[in-house]
Amino acid sequence: MTTMNHFQPLADRTIIKRDAPDDTSEGGILIPDGAKEKLQTGIVMAIGPEVKDVSVGDRIIFQAYGFTPIEVDKQEMLVICEEEIMIRIKQDEQGNKKADSPESDSEEG
């Protein structure tokens, strides 16, 4: 079986675990698999040596196209270049989420 330990992204590539869509609508109606919208959010699982603006464990928003799907541990993962990552979602001390563009950190330092 292939596990995450077998994958090391090269250059500026990252491996992302895409967030799963909700199984039910806000009204409580069960959504069939074929009708579920694929989310553009996920968690960074691995990074290449040239990645500068995100780290393993970061929650991100990425572009809808420009990735390569792979299967790891029977789960779909995505290989994405760092430039395809649009936003890093941070949590403050209270655990509240807030969006942060990767470029904003590099301009401060």
C-alpha atoms as a PDB file:
ATOM      1  CA  MET A   1       0.000   0.000   0.000  1.00  0.00           C
ATOM      2  CA  THR A   2       1.261   3.471  -0.894  1.00  0.00           C
ATOM      3  CA  THR A   3       1.298   5.949   1.995  1.00  0.00           C
ATOM      4  CA  MET A   4       2.086   9.667   2.324  1.00  0.00           C
ATOM      5  CA  ASN A   5       5.612   8.720   3.474  1.00  0.00           C
ATOM      6  CA  HIS A   6       6.323   7.489  -0.069  1.00  0.00           C
ATOM      7  CA  PHE A   7       5.678  10.920  -1.637  1.00  0.00           C
ATOM      8  CA  GLN A   8       8.048  13.893  -1.627  1.00  0.00           C
ATOM      9  CA  PRO A   9       6.897  16.708  -3.920  1.00  0.00           C
ATOM     10  CA  LEU A  10       9.598  18.264  -6.079  1.00  0.00           C
ATOM     11  CA  ALA A  11      10.394  21.946  -6.613  1.00  0.00           C
ATOM     12  CA  ASP A  12       7.397  24.220  -5.808  1.00  0.00           C
ATOM     13  CA  ARG A  13       4.763  21.480  -5.738  1.00  0.00           C
ATOM     14  CA  THR A  14       2.493  20.581  -2.831  1.00  0.00           C
ATOM     15  CA  ILE A  15       0.246  17.624  -2.065  1.00  0.00           C
ATOM     16  CA  ILE A  16      -3.230  18.667  -0.922  1.00  0.00           C
ATOM     17  CA  LYS A  17      -5.997  16.624   0.701  1.00  0.00           C
ATOM     18  CA  ARG A  18      -9.195  18.194  -0.638  1.00  0.00           C
ATOM     19  CA  ASP A  19     -11.977  18.870   1.874  1.00  0.00           C
ATOM     20  CA  ALA A  20     -14.973  16.569   1.540  1.00  0.00           C
ATOM     21  CA  PRO A  21     -18.282  18.165   0.517  1.00  0.00           C
ATOM     22  CA  ASP A  22     -21.274  18.053   2.844  1.00  0.00           C
ATOM     23  CA  ASP A  23     -23.543  15.003   2.576  1.00  0.00           C
ATOM     24  CA  THR A  24     -26.711  17.002   3.273  1.00  0.00           C
ATOM     25  CA  SER A  25     -28.069  20.375   2.218  1.00  0.00           C
ATOM     26  CA  GLU A  26     -28.847  23.152   4.697  1.00  0.00           C
ATOM     27  CA  GLY A  27     -32.455  21.932   4.642  1.00  0.00           C
ATOM     28  CA  GLY A  28     -31.406  18.394   5.573  1.00  0.00           C
ATOM     29  CA  ILE A  29     -31.819  16.815   2.136  1.00  0.00           C
ATOM     30  CA  LEU A  30     -29.308  14.046   1.331  1.00  0.00           C
ATOM     31  CA  ILE A  31     -27.125  15.022  -1.640  1.00  0.00           C
ATOM     32  CA  PRO A  32     -26.160  12.160  -4.007  1.00  0.00           C
ATOM     33  CA  ASP A  33     -22.448  11.766  -4.794  1.00  0.00           C
ATOM     34  CA  GLY A  34     -22.886  12.807  -8.424  1.00  0.00           C
ATOM     35  CA  ALA A  35     -24.453  16.134  -7.421  1.00  0.00           C
ATOM     36  CA  LYS A  36     -21.889  17.117  -4.785  1.00  0.00           C
ATOM     37  CA  GLU A  37     -19.776  20.128  -5.654  1.00  0.00           C
ATOM     38  CA  LYS A  38     -16.027  19.535  -5.367  1.00  0.00           C
ATOM     39  CA  LEU A  39     -14.569  22.055  -2.960  1.00  0.00           C
ATOM     40  CA  GLN A  40     -11.530  24.201  -3.701  1.00  0.00           C
ATOM     41  CA  THR A  41     -10.296  23.996  -0.116  1.00  0.00           C
ATOM     42  CA  GLY A  42      -7.999  21.506   1.517  1.00  0.00           C
ATOM     43  CA  ILE A  43      -5.085  20.790   3.825  1.00  0.00           C
ATOM     44  CA  VAL A  44      -1.422  20.794   2.788  1.00  0.00           C
ATOM     45  CA  MET A  45      -0.082  17.270   3.353  1.00  0.00           C
ATOM     46  CA  ALA A  46       3.451  17.639   1.906  1.00  0.00           C
ATOM     47  CA  ILE A  47       5.568  20.386   0.331  1.00  0.00           C
ATOM     48  CA  GLY A  48       8.511  20.514  -2.052  1.00  0.00           C
ATOM     49  CA  PRO A  49      11.859  22.145  -1.185  1.00  0.00           C
ATOM     50  CA  GLU A  50      11.095  25.386  -3.068  1.00  0.00           C
ATOM     51  CA  VAL A  51       7.727  26.062  -1.375  1.00  0.00           C
ATOM     52  CA  LYS A  52       7.949  29.266   0.678  1.00  0.00           C
ATOM     53  CA  ASP A  53       4.481  30.517   1.609  1.00  0.00           C
ATOM     54  CA  VAL A  54       2.646  27.469   2.995  1.00  0.00           C
ATOM     55  CA  SER A  55       3.507  24.691   5.442  1.00  0.00           C
ATOM     56  CA  VAL A  56       2.292  21.166   6.076  1.00  0.00           C
ATOM     57  CA  GLY A  57      -1.024  21.350   7.934  1.00  0.00           C
ATOM     58  CA  ASP A  58      -2.097  24.725   6.490  1.00  0.00           C
ATOM     59  CA  ARG A  59      -5.706  24.963   5.269  1.00  0.00           C
ATOM     60  CA  ILE A  60      -5.814  26.603   1.828  1.00  0.00           C
ATOM     61  CA  ILE A  61      -8.048  27.706  -1.028  1.00  0.00           C
ATOM     62  CA  PHE A  62      -6.718  26.778  -4.477  1.00  0.00           C
ATOM     63  CA  GLN A  63      -7.656  27.419  -8.090  1.00  0.00           C
ATOM     64  CA  ALA A  64     -10.276  25.150  -9.660  1.00  0.00           C
ATOM     65  CA  TYR A  65      -7.917  23.939 -12.406  1.00  0.00           C
ATOM     66  CA  GLY A  66      -4.192  23.324 -12.648  1.00  0.00           C
ATOM     67  CA  PHE A  67      -3.691  20.276 -10.433  1.00  0.00           C
ATOM     68  CA  THR A  68      -2.962  16.595 -10.910  1.00  0.00           C
ATOM     69  CA  PRO A  69      -5.032  14.057  -8.935  1.00  0.00           C
ATOM     70  CA  ILE A  70      -3.188  11.112  -7.361  1.00  0.00           C
ATOM     71  CA  GLU A  71      -4.341   8.311  -5.066  1.00  0.00           C
ATOM     72  CA  VAL A  72      -2.698   7.863  -1.651  1.00  0.00           C
ATOM     73  CA  ASP A  73      -4.044   5.450   0.972  1.00  0.00           C
ATOM     74  CA  LYS A  74      -7.159   4.982  -1.210  1.00  0.00           C
ATOM     75  CA  GLN A  75      -7.885   8.735  -0.972  1.00  0.00           C
ATOM     76  CA  GLU A  76      -7.680  11.275  -3.768  1.00  0.00           C
ATOM     77  CA  MET A  77      -4.953  13.864  -3.222  1.00  0.00           C
ATOM     78  CA  LEU A  78      -3.996  16.725  -5.508  1.00  0.00           C
ATOM     79  CA  VAL A  79      -0.525  17.795  -6.664  1.00  0.00           C
ATOM     80  CA  ILE A  80      -0.582  21.582  -6.978  1.00  0.00           C
ATOM     81  CA  CYS A  81       2.133  24.134  -7.783  1.00  0.00           C
ATOM     82  CA  GLU A  82       2.475  26.753  -5.071  1.00  0.00           C
ATOM     83  CA  GLU A  83       1.402  29.509  -7.481  1.00  0.00           C
ATOM     84  CA  GLU A  84      -2.025  27.815  -7.792  1.00  0.00           C
ATOM     85  CA  ILE A  85      -2.647  28.353  -4.053  1.00  0.00           C
ATOM     86  CA  MET A  86      -4.635  31.554  -3.685  1.00  0.00           C
ATOM     87  CA  ILE A  87      -5.302  31.855   0.064  1.00  0.00           C
ATOM     88  CA  ARG A  88      -4.053  30.352   3.327  1.00  0.00           C
ATOM     89  CA  ILE A  89      -6.738  30.152   6.013  1.00  0.00           C
ATOM     90  CA  LYS A  90      -5.278  30.941   9.415  1.00  0.00           C
ATOM     91  CA  GLN A  91      -6.767  30.480  12.867  1.00  0.00           C
ATOM     92  CA  ASP A  92      -6.350  33.054  15.590  1.00  0.00           C
ATOM     93  CA  GLU A  93      -5.735  32.222  19.256  1.00  0.00           C
ATOM     94  CA  GLN A  94      -9.452  31.505  19.813  1.00  0.00           C
ATOM     95  CA  GLY A  95      -9.570  29.044  16.890  1.00  0.00           C
ATOM     96  CA  ASN A  96     -11.514  31.393  14.603  1.00  0.00           C
ATOM     97  CA  LYS A  97     -10.670  31.099  10.902  1.00  0.00           C
ATOM     98  CA  LYS A  98      -9.447  34.062   8.906  1.00  0.00           C
ATOM     99  CA  ALA A  99      -8.215  34.189   5.305  1.00  0.00           C
ATOM    100  CA  ASP A 100      -4.684  35.254   4.445  1.00  0.00           C
ATOM    101  CA  SER A 101      -3.118  35.624   1.013  1.00  0.00           C
ATOM    102  CA  PRO A 102       0.347  33.956   0.907  1.00  0.00           C
ATOM    103  CA  GLU A 103       1.822  37.076  -0.656  1.00  0.00           C
ATOM    104  CA  SER A 104       0.842  39.274   2.326  1.00  0.00           C
ATOM    105  CA  ASP A 105       3.293  37.523   4.692  1.00  0.00           C
ATOM    106  CA  SER A 106       6.222  37.822   2.285  1.00  0.00           C
ATOM    107  CA  GLU A 107       5.667  41.572   1.922  1.00  0.00           C
ATOM    108  CA  GLU A 108       5.819  42.142   5.690  1.00  0.00           C
ATOM    109  CA  GLY A 109       9.166  40.468   6.300  1.00  0.00           C
END
